[in-house]
Amino acid sequence: MLNADARAALTQLVQRYHASLTKKRADLVAAHQAAVEDDWSEEGTAAFKLLVHRMAGSAASYGFTELGDAARMLDQVLQFREHGTAPDHVGDYFDRLLRDLDGCIRRPPPGDPHAEQGRHEDEHRLTEMPRVVLVDDDPAMVDILSRQLMAVGFDVSGFTDPFASMEAVTKIRPAVILMDLMFTEGEDYGFQIAEAMVARLRYKPGLVYLSQRTDVRARQWAVDSGADAFFTKPVNVTALAQLLEQFSGRGEQAYVENGRVAIVEDDQQIGQYYATLLEGSGFRTALISEPVTALERLLDFRPDLVLMDMQMPDLDGIELTQILRHHESLFDIPVLFLTSVTDPGLLRGALRAGADALLSKGDDPELILSVVQRRIQRFRRVTYTLTRDPLTRLYNRPALMERVSFELQRAQREGQAFCMAVFDIDGFRQFNETHGRTAGDQVLREITEGVRSRLRQVDVIGRYGGDEIMIIMPSTRLCSGDAVMQELTSRVSETPIELGDKRFDITISTAVIECQLTRHDSSHSVLQQALSQLEALLKTAGPGQVRSGELSTSATNELLHGGGQRQLA
């Protein structure tokens, strides 16, 4: 849903586009005249066709529907002519395009194309403790599930009375609603309550149904009611917590908050339009107007989705999609084509190349936003499942190493220092032997949750192995990285962990180093050196202590060849 600032920005873009039509007309006339004088040579035709194609897309996007239709028809005629089968009516179609252009220039620009859409801003803002409303007429279920979710960092408001939950929802403003399906009032009463709750809010929260029913009909009802997920009782709390974290918008796993969309469009006016549209709905965007630079830009931006034009000079959208599908870091990113092309052959080619969906320039903006949102949700759900450690919900080791390698390469490109840190829980093996693995798992969860909540969003944290947790702090010098780890280590020591009626004082040992690569360094070699040096520092750190240092190649060589040191798990 667009906010007021975005609607105002879009209105300004429409006015700016309208003001540019006079120049666009002059450019079209000049290109047409040059093509005619050159007897429609390949070069002259291509230059004219590019301007027509861009107008077909931009006019439709900015709300000049008739002008977009006229440009699209001329674009199709030129496409036929390009293949030697053109009717002799290019001049007629061009005259119509000029007439429509003249009419648009004389008339005032259309109003905000979104004026009747999204009148109310999404005022929903998430807190650090994501808010969850749980509604179930079983008091024991509400009590147990609330405690389990609060233990891993969620702010849960539980209700056994559906009417009380409806009254409270506008004050709580939850990120997610957990709704029982069946109440004494009826087997589908939960759907009615959820619908009423959502209607009272001015945004769409995550909606998850809980039920003892496992049949397809119940799941179909949930889908029809707009549910985001369906869990059967007894609820798998670990899986539910993972899902809630994604919907709650914490950190990098926000489903739509901070969703990253790369727009590959050679026409900057069109690209800026869609960037404004998406940013006004909570997405972050990167506009790439030169397709030949797209690969490097995409690797740096790491988008959740690519919105791509189909016909571009030097490298068209189909070719670029094929390149992405061959790249080990980009092969699975959703690609949506946003195009004015209507040629069935080209559209089939786009799908064969790996496009996930085809959208037309000039489509309802709400449709475009909805498709982008859903594709990102699907992509992030799959990515989250594959990259997260099920116990701590941090990056698992393979995903962590991929992120570390990426941060190394980025630091090398930008010439910036960064810090790597590793900590483990003192006496963790003995704790597990004495109190059991279940208690040890809870300790590990609570410590990692507390540490993660105090890191920056750009920092990377993952489970390296066992009780060893690794943190990457981009653009951070050693003095700052050491201070961060000192503060985190002290907080863990000062915060006893309660397990039932028992309290435990826990400490962690920490190692932190600063790394800085030159353009001649091998990032793989530096990573191995950094891990070895962290290993040595962690070995000498006492309980509740932090050891720090700068990456030293000579010290690393001693470790690699001296033997006798334990390796990080």
Foldseek 3Di string as FASTA:
>chain_A
DFDPVLLVVLQVLLQVVLVCLVVLLVLLVVLVVVCVVVVNDVVSLVSNLVSLFVQLQLCLQSPVVVLNVLSLVLNVLSVCVVVVRHDPCNVVSVVVNVVSSVVSNPDRGDGRPCCVPLPDDQPQDADLAAEEEEEALDVVLQVVLCVLLVLLRHHYDYYNDLVVCLVCCQVRVGQEYEWEQDDPVGNRVRLVSVVSSCVVHSDDHAYEYEYQDDDPVVVVVCVVSPHPYYAYPPGPSLVVSLVCVLSRCPFPSPLLQAAEEEEEALPVSSQVSVCSLSVSVRYHYHYHNDLVCVVVVCLVRVHQEYEYEADDPPAGPLRSLLVQCPDPSRNPRAYEYEGQDDPPVSVVSSVVSPHPYYHYNNPDSVVVNVVVSVSSNVSSVVVQVVQADSLQSAGEQVNLVVVLLSLLVVLQVVQAKKKKKKKFWPPLVVCCVVPNVVVSSSLLNSLSSVLVSPDDSPKHWYDNDDRMIMIIGHRDDQVVVQVSVLVSQVVLQVDWDDDPPDTHRIGMFMEMEMEGDYNPDDSVVQVLQVQQVNQVQSVPTDTSGYHYYYRDPVVSVCSVPVDDGDGDD
